[in-house]
Amino acid sequence: MPNDQLKELIDRHPIYIPVSEAAAFLHMGPEALRASIDQSRCPFGFSWRLGERSGYKIPTIAFISWLTKGAYPPPA
């Protein structure tokens, strides 16, 4: 059930969701999600570069808000 999977994801990662886990939840590859974040097409994640290194963050609250359009938890 999608709501159960989302709750488990939130319980495991209450502050930041790893890119690999967010990608798996969305049924896509982590490389594709990173590319989307880099191209500013992903409204819930952000990235930065420092020389040749790069980093990615997906705040849990932003991911949930985007995914549920602000309606989490779902009405009973």
PDB file of N, CA and C in Angstrom:
ATOM      1  N   MET A   1       0.842  -1.168   0.000  1.00  0.00           N
ATOM      2  CA  MET A   1       0.000   0.000   0.000  1.00  0.00           C
ATOM      3  C   MET A   1       0.901   1.249   0.000  1.00  0.00           C
ATOM      4  N   PRO A   2       0.650   2.208  -0.890  1.00  0.00           N
ATOM      5  CA  PRO A   2       1.525   3.386  -0.998  1.00  0.00           C
ATOM      6  C   PRO A   2       1.647   4.193   0.299  1.00  0.00           C
ATOM      7  N   ASN A   3       0.547   4.350   1.042  1.00  0.00           N
ATOM      8  CA  ASN A   3       0.615   5.122   2.286  1.00  0.00           C
ATOM      9  C   ASN A   3       1.502   4.437   3.314  1.00  0.00           C
ATOM     10  N   ASP A   4       1.454   3.104   3.366  1.00  0.00           N
ATOM     11  CA  ASP A   4       2.314   2.370   4.290  1.00  0.00           C
ATOM     12  C   ASP A   4       3.775   2.523   3.897  1.00  0.00           C
ATOM     13  N   GLN A   5       4.056   2.464   2.601  1.00  0.00           N
ATOM     14  CA  GLN A   5       5.428   2.627   2.115  1.00  0.00           C
ATOM     15  C   GLN A   5       5.938   4.031   2.421  1.00  0.00           C
ATOM     16  N   LEU A   6       5.092   5.025   2.239  1.00  0.00           N
ATOM     17  CA  LEU A   6       5.480   6.395   2.534  1.00  0.00           C
ATOM     18  C   LEU A   6       5.746   6.564   4.026  1.00  0.00           C
ATOM     19  N   LYS A   7       4.903   5.996   4.863  1.00  0.00           N
ATOM     20  CA  LYS A   7       5.106   6.084   6.312  1.00  0.00           C
ATOM     21  C   LYS A   7       6.423   5.424   6.714  1.00  0.00           C
ATOM     22  N   GLU A   8       6.730   4.273   6.143  1.00  0.00           N
ATOM     23  CA  GLU A   8       7.991   3.599   6.438  1.00  0.00           C
ATOM     24  C   GLU A   8       9.183   4.456   6.018  1.00  0.00           C
ATOM     25  N   LEU A   9       9.075   5.089   4.849  1.00  0.00           N
ATOM     26  CA  LEU A   9      10.146   5.958   4.364  1.00  0.00           C
ATOM     27  C   LEU A   9      10.359   7.133   5.315  1.00  0.00           C
ATOM     28  N   ILE A  10       9.278   7.727   5.780  1.00  0.00           N
ATOM     29  CA  ILE A  10       9.351   8.851   6.715  1.00  0.00           C
ATOM     30  C   ILE A  10       9.949   8.404   8.051  1.00  0.00           C
ATOM     31  N   ASP A  11       9.528   7.246   8.525  1.00  0.00           N
ATOM     32  CA  ASP A  11      10.050   6.738   9.799  1.00  0.00           C
ATOM     33  C   ASP A  11      11.553   6.465   9.717  1.00  0.00           C
ATOM     34  N   ARG A  12      12.023   5.949   8.586  1.00  0.00           N
ATOM     35  CA  ARG A  12      13.453   5.661   8.423  1.00  0.00           C
ATOM     36  C   ARG A  12      14.276   6.922   8.226  1.00  0.00           C
ATOM     37  N   HIS A  13      13.681   7.929   7.572  1.00  0.00           N
ATOM     38  CA  HIS A  13      14.420   9.157   7.223  1.00  0.00           C
ATOM     39  C   HIS A  13      13.577  10.387   7.555  1.00  0.00           C
ATOM     40  N   PRO A  14      13.502  10.771   8.822  1.00  0.00           N
ATOM     41  CA  PRO A  14      12.621  11.875   9.205  1.00  0.00           C
ATOM     42  C   PRO A  14      13.098  13.267   8.769  1.00  0.00           C
ATOM     43  N   ILE A  15      14.370  13.419   8.444  1.00  0.00           N
ATOM     44  CA  ILE A  15      14.879  14.752   8.100  1.00  0.00           C
ATOM     45  C   ILE A  15      15.260  14.858   6.624  1.00  0.00           C
ATOM     46  N   TYR A  16      16.114  13.960   6.147  1.00  0.00           N
ATOM     47  CA  TYR A  16      16.530  13.937   4.745  1.00  0.00           C
ATOM     48  C   TYR A  16      16.382  12.529   4.191  1.00  0.00           C
ATOM     49  N   ILE A  17      15.900  12.423   2.954  1.00  0.00           N
ATOM     50  CA  ILE A  17      15.751  11.136   2.287  1.00  0.00           C
ATOM     51  C   ILE A  17      16.926  10.967   1.332  1.00  0.00           C
ATOM     52  N   PRO A  18      17.650   9.852   1.418  1.00  0.00           N
ATOM     53  CA  PRO A  18      18.733   9.617   0.466  1.00  0.00           C
ATOM     54  C   PRO A  18      18.191   9.558  -0.971  1.00  0.00           C
ATOM     55  N   VAL A  19      18.990  10.048  -1.903  1.00  0.00           N
ATOM     56  CA  VAL A  19      18.565  10.064  -3.301  1.00  0.00           C
ATOM     57  C   VAL A  19      18.189   8.659  -3.767  1.00  0.00           C
ATOM     58  N   SER A  20      18.958   7.668  -3.384  1.00  0.00           N
ATOM     59  CA  SER A  20      18.684   6.299  -3.832  1.00  0.00           C
ATOM     60  C   SER A  20      17.317   5.812  -3.339  1.00  0.00           C
ATOM     61  N   GLU A  21      16.955   6.151  -2.117  1.00  0.00           N
ATOM     62  CA  GLU A  21      15.657   5.721  -1.572  1.00  0.00           C
ATOM     63  C   GLU A  21      14.497   6.490  -2.193  1.00  0.00           C
ATOM     64  N   ALA A  22      14.672   7.784  -2.418  1.00  0.00           N
ATOM     65  CA  ALA A  22      13.620   8.572  -3.069  1.00  0.00           C
ATOM     66  C   ALA A  22      13.414   8.070  -4.492  1.00  0.00           C
ATOM     67  N   ALA A  23      14.505   7.772  -5.185  1.00  0.00           N
ATOM     68  CA  ALA A  23      14.406   7.265  -6.552  1.00  0.00           C
ATOM     69  C   ALA A  23      13.693   5.921  -6.581  1.00  0.00           C
ATOM     70  N   ALA A  24      14.029   5.035  -5.670  1.00  0.00           N
ATOM     71  CA  ALA A  24      13.367   3.727  -5.619  1.00  0.00           C
ATOM     72  C   ALA A  24      11.877   3.899  -5.340  1.00  0.00           C
ATOM     73  N   PHE A  25      11.529   4.812  -4.440  1.00  0.00           N
ATOM     74  CA  PHE A  25      10.120   5.062  -4.114  1.00  0.00           C
ATOM     75  C   PHE A  25       9.374   5.564  -5.351  1.00  0.00           C
ATOM     76  N   LEU A  26      10.050   6.374  -6.173  1.00  0.00           N
ATOM     77  CA  LEU A  26       9.432   6.942  -7.373  1.00  0.00           C
ATOM     78  C   LEU A  26       9.578   6.038  -8.599  1.00  0.00           C
ATOM     79  N   HIS A  27      10.174   4.860  -8.408  1.00  0.00           N
ATOM     80  CA  HIS A  27      10.388   3.889  -9.492  1.00  0.00           C
ATOM     81  C   HIS A  27      11.223   4.484 -10.625  1.00  0.00           C
ATOM     82  N   MET A  28      12.347   5.063 -10.245  1.00  0.00           N
ATOM     83  CA  MET A  28      13.273   5.615 -11.233  1.00  0.00           C
ATOM     84  C   MET A  28      14.694   5.372 -10.748  1.00  0.00           C
ATOM     85  N   GLY A  29      15.638   5.587 -11.612  1.00  0.00           N
ATOM     86  CA  GLY A  29      17.034   5.406 -11.239  1.00  0.00           C
ATOM     87  C   GLY A  29      17.564   6.607 -10.480  1.00  0.00           C
ATOM     88  N   PRO A  30      18.517   6.384  -9.575  1.00  0.00           N
ATOM     89  CA  PRO A  30      19.094   7.510  -8.838  1.00  0.00           C
ATOM     90  C   PRO A  30      19.794   8.514  -9.752  1.00  0.00           C
ATOM     91  N   GLU A  31      20.397   8.030 -10.837  1.00  0.00           N
ATOM     92  CA  GLU A  31      21.063   8.946 -11.778  1.00  0.00           C
ATOM     93  C   GLU A  31      20.054   9.888 -12.411  1.00  0.00           C
ATOM     94  N   ALA A  32      18.881   9.365 -12.749  1.00  0.00           N
ATOM     95  CA  ALA A  32      17.831  10.192 -13.355  1.00  0.00           C
ATOM     96  C   ALA A  32      17.328  11.239 -12.362  1.00  0.00           C
ATOM     97  N   LEU A  33      17.186  10.857 -11.102  1.00  0.00           N
ATOM     98  CA  LEU A  33      16.736  11.812 -10.091  1.00  0.00           C
ATOM     99  C   LEU A  33      17.803  12.882  -9.862  1.00  0.00           C
ATOM    100  N   ARG A  34      19.061  12.480  -9.806  1.00  0.00           N
ATOM    101  CA  ARG A  34      20.141  13.474  -9.658  1.00  0.00           C
ATOM    102  C   ARG A  34      20.149  14.446 -10.837  1.00  0.00           C
ATOM    103  N   ALA A  35      19.971  13.927 -12.052  1.00  0.00           N
ATOM    104  CA  ALA A  35      19.933  14.788 -13.237  1.00  0.00           C
ATOM    105  C   ALA A  35      18.770  15.764 -13.155  1.00  0.00           C
ATOM    106  N   SER A  36      17.623  15.295 -12.698  1.00  0.00           N
ATOM    107  CA  SER A  36      16.456  16.157 -12.543  1.00  0.00           C
ATOM    108  C   SER A  36      16.715  17.260 -11.519  1.00  0.00           C
ATOM    109  N   ILE A  37      17.359  16.897 -10.422  1.00  0.00           N
ATOM    110  CA  ILE A  37      17.701  17.895  -9.404  1.00  0.00           C
ATOM    111  C   ILE A  37      18.689  18.911  -9.972  1.00  0.00           C
ATOM    112  N   ASP A  38      19.721  18.431 -10.684  1.00  0.00           N
ATOM    113  CA  ASP A  38      20.723  19.328 -11.272  1.00  0.00           C
ATOM    114  C   ASP A  38      20.112  20.294 -12.273  1.00  0.00           C
ATOM    115  N   GLN A  39      19.086  19.849 -12.996  1.00  0.00           N
ATOM    116  CA  GLN A  39      18.447  20.682 -14.022  1.00  0.00           C
ATOM    117  C   GLN A  39      17.334  21.555 -13.453  1.00  0.00           C
ATOM    118  N   SER A  40      17.185  21.570 -12.135  1.00  0.00           N
ATOM    119  CA  SER A  40      16.143  22.350 -11.451  1.00  0.00           C
ATOM    120  C   SER A  40      14.741  21.956 -11.896  1.00  0.00           C
ATOM    121  N   ARG A  41      14.553  20.694 -12.237  1.00  0.00           N
ATOM    122  CA  ARG A  41      13.234  20.188 -12.621  1.00  0.00           C
ATOM    123  C   ARG A  41      12.579  19.416 -11.481  1.00  0.00           C
ATOM    124  N   CYS A  42      13.293  19.279 -10.404  1.00  0.00           N
ATOM    125  CA  CYS A  42      12.817  18.530  -9.257  1.00  0.00           C
ATOM    126  C   CYS A  42      12.521  19.528  -8.135  1.00  0.00           C
ATOM    127  N   PRO A  43      11.251  19.744  -7.801  1.00  0.00           N
ATOM    128  CA  PRO A  43      10.912  20.785  -6.835  1.00  0.00           C
ATOM    129  C   PRO A  43      11.222  20.449  -5.379  1.00  0.00           C
ATOM    130  N   PHE A  44      11.564  19.198  -5.077  1.00  0.00           N
ATOM    131  CA  PHE A  44      11.767  18.823  -3.682  1.00  0.00           C
ATOM    132  C   PHE A  44      13.219  18.581  -3.310  1.00  0.00           C
ATOM    133  N   GLY A  45      14.134  18.653  -4.249  1.00  0.00           N
ATOM    134  CA  GLY A  45      15.537  18.398  -3.937  1.00  0.00           C
ATOM    135  C   GLY A  45      16.433  19.536  -4.387  1.00  0.00           C
ATOM    136  N   PHE A  46      17.633  19.564  -3.847  1.00  0.00           N
ATOM    137  CA  PHE A  46      18.599  20.568  -4.288  1.00  0.00           C
ATOM    138  C   PHE A  46      19.988  19.951  -4.296  1.00  0.00           C
ATOM    139  N   SER A  47      20.871  20.593  -5.050  1.00  0.00           N
ATOM    140  CA  SER A  47      22.239  20.089  -5.171  1.00  0.00           C
ATOM    141  C   SER A  47      23.219  21.248  -5.122  1.00  0.00           C
ATOM    142  N   TRP A  48      24.473  20.911  -4.934  1.00  0.00           N
ATOM    143  CA  TRP A  48      25.528  21.909  -4.942  1.00  0.00           C
ATOM    144  C   TRP A  48      26.798  21.269  -5.459  1.00  0.00           C
ATOM    145  N   ARG A  49      27.710  22.105  -5.916  1.00  0.00           N
ATOM    146  CA  ARG A  49      29.003  21.642  -6.405  1.00  0.00           C
ATOM    147  C   ARG A  49      30.108  22.389  -5.675  1.00  0.00           C
ATOM    148  N   LEU A  50      31.160  21.658  -5.383  1.00  0.00           N
ATOM    149  CA  LEU A  50      32.337  22.233  -4.775  1.00  0.00           C
ATOM    150  C   LEU A  50      33.523  21.617  -5.506  1.00  0.00           C
ATOM    151  N   GLY A  51      34.033  22.352  -6.479  1.00  0.00           N
ATOM    152  CA  GLY A  51      35.079  21.797  -7.327  1.00  0.00           C
ATOM    153  C   GLY A  51      34.495  20.686  -8.178  1.00  0.00           C
ATOM    154  N   GLU A  52      35.093  19.519  -8.099  1.00  0.00           N
ATOM    155  CA  GLU A  52      34.614  18.373  -8.876  1.00  0.00           C
ATOM    156  C   GLU A  52      33.601  17.530  -8.101  1.00  0.00           C
ATOM    157  N   ARG A  53      33.383  17.861  -6.858  1.00  0.00           N
ATOM    158  CA  ARG A  53      32.444  17.096  -6.023  1.00  0.00           C
ATOM    159  C   ARG A  53      31.069  17.743  -6.061  1.00  0.00           C
ATOM    160  N   SER A  54      30.055  16.926  -5.866  1.00  0.00           N
ATOM    161  CA  SER A  54      28.697  17.460  -5.801  1.00  0.00           C
ATOM    162  C   SER A  54      27.934  16.738  -4.692  1.00  0.00           C
ATOM    163  N   GLY A  55      26.910  17.380  -4.211  1.00  0.00           N
ATOM    164  CA  GLY A  55      26.086  16.812  -3.148  1.00  0.00           C
ATOM    165  C   GLY A  55      24.616  17.054  -3.444  1.00  0.00           C
ATOM    166  N   TYR A  56      23.780  16.224  -2.849  1.00  0.00           N
ATOM    167  CA  TYR A  56      22.343  16.293  -3.076  1.00  0.00           C
ATOM    168  C   TYR A  56      21.616  16.154  -1.753  1.00  0.00           C
ATOM    169  N   LYS A  57      20.533  16.889  -1.594  1.00  0.00           N
ATOM    170  CA  LYS A  57      19.688  16.789  -0.400  1.00  0.00           C
ATOM    171  C   LYS A  57      18.233  16.750  -0.835  1.00  0.00           C
ATOM    172  N   ILE A  58      17.487  15.892  -0.170  1.00  0.00           N
ATOM    173  CA  ILE A  58      16.039  15.843  -0.357  1.00  0.00           C
ATOM    174  C   ILE A  58      15.423  15.937   1.038  1.00  0.00           C
ATOM    175  N   PRO A  59      14.993  17.134   1.440  1.00  0.00           N
ATOM    176  CA  PRO A  59      14.336  17.264   2.740  1.00  0.00           C
ATOM    177  C   PRO A  59      13.042  16.442   2.757  1.00  0.00           C
ATOM    178  N   THR A  60      12.856  15.679   3.797  1.00  0.00           N
ATOM    179  CA  THR A  60      11.694  14.797   3.901  1.00  0.00           C
ATOM    180  C   THR A  60      10.389  15.581   3.791  1.00  0.00           C
ATOM    181  N   ILE A  61      10.292  16.704   4.474  1.00  0.00           N
ATOM    182  CA  ILE A  61       9.052  17.473   4.461  1.00  0.00           C
ATOM    183  C   ILE A  61       8.732  17.997   3.060  1.00  0.00           C
ATOM    184  N   ALA A  62       9.750  18.397   2.304  1.00  0.00           N
ATOM    185  CA  ALA A  62       9.526  18.876   0.936  1.00  0.00           C
ATOM    186  C   ALA A  62       9.068  17.737   0.026  1.00  0.00           C
ATOM    187  N   PHE A  63       9.676  16.558   0.199  1.00  0.00           N
ATOM    188  CA  PHE A  63       9.303  15.391  -0.601  1.00  0.00           C
ATOM    189  C   PHE A  63       7.860  14.996  -0.336  1.00  0.00           C
ATOM    190  N   ILE A  64       7.476  14.936   0.932  1.00  0.00           N
ATOM    191  CA  ILE A  64       6.110  14.557   1.309  1.00  0.00           C
ATOM    192  C   ILE A  64       5.108  15.585   0.784  1.00  0.00           C
ATOM    193  N   SER A  65       5.437  16.847   0.949  1.00  0.00           N
ATOM    194  CA  SER A  65       4.539  17.908   0.507  1.00  0.00           C
ATOM    195  C   SER A  65       4.322  17.841  -1.005  1.00  0.00           C
ATOM    196  N   TRP A  66       5.410  17.626  -1.762  1.00  0.00           N
ATOM    197  CA  TRP A  66       5.285  17.517  -3.212  1.00  0.00           C
ATOM    198  C   TRP A  66       4.480  16.275  -3.597  1.00  0.00           C
ATOM    199  N   LEU A  67       4.789  15.169  -2.972  1.00  0.00           N
ATOM    200  CA  LEU A  67       4.159  13.898  -3.316  1.00  0.00           C
ATOM    201  C   LEU A  67       2.666  13.898  -3.001  1.00  0.00           C
ATOM    202  N   THR A  68       2.286  14.483  -1.883  1.00  0.00           N
ATOM    203  CA  THR A  68       0.888  14.448  -1.453  1.00  0.00           C
ATOM    204  C   THR A  68       0.154  15.756  -1.730  1.00  0.00           C
ATOM    205  N   LYS A  69       0.832  16.692  -2.359  1.00  0.00           N
ATOM    206  CA  LYS A  69       0.273  18.021  -2.629  1.00  0.00           C
ATOM    207  C   LYS A  69      -0.189  18.690  -1.339  1.00  0.00           C
ATOM    208  N   GLY A  70       0.570  18.457  -0.264  1.00  0.00           N
ATOM    209  CA  GLY A  70       0.303  19.087   1.019  1.00  0.00           C
ATOM    210  C   GLY A  70      -0.771  18.409   1.852  1.00  0.00           C
ATOM    211  N   ALA A  71      -1.250  17.238   1.423  1.00  0.00           N
ATOM    212  CA  ALA A  71      -2.338  16.566   2.133  1.00  0.00           C
ATOM    213  C   ALA A  71      -1.852  15.313   2.873  1.00  0.00           C
ATOM    214  N   TYR A  72      -0.802  15.439   3.650  1.00  0.00           N
ATOM    215  CA  TYR A  72      -0.342  14.291   4.445  1.00  0.00           C
ATOM    216  C   TYR A  72      -0.455  14.644   5.912  1.00  0.00           C
ATOM    217  N   PRO A  73      -0.943  13.830   6.745  1.00  0.00           N
ATOM    218  CA  PRO A  73      -1.455  12.490   6.448  1.00  0.00           C
ATOM    219  C   PRO A  73      -2.795  12.555   5.737  1.00  0.00           C
ATOM    220  N   PRO A  74      -3.096  11.511   4.960  1.00  0.00           N
ATOM    221  CA  PRO A  74      -4.366  11.520   4.237  1.00  0.00           C
ATOM    222  C   PRO A  74      -5.557  11.511   5.189  1.00  0.00           C
ATOM    223  N   PRO A  75      -6.674  12.088   4.777  1.00  0.00           N
ATOM    224  CA  PRO A  75      -7.861  12.084   5.645  1.00  0.00           C
ATOM    225  C   PRO A  75      -8.323  10.658   5.927  1.00  0.00           C
ATOM    226  N   ALA A  76      -8.834  10.449   7.107  1.00  0.00           N
ATOM    227  CA  ALA A  76      -9.291   9.099   7.515  1.00  0.00           C
ATOM    228  C   ALA A  76     -10.637   8.758   6.914  1.00  0.00           C
TER     229      ALA A  76
END
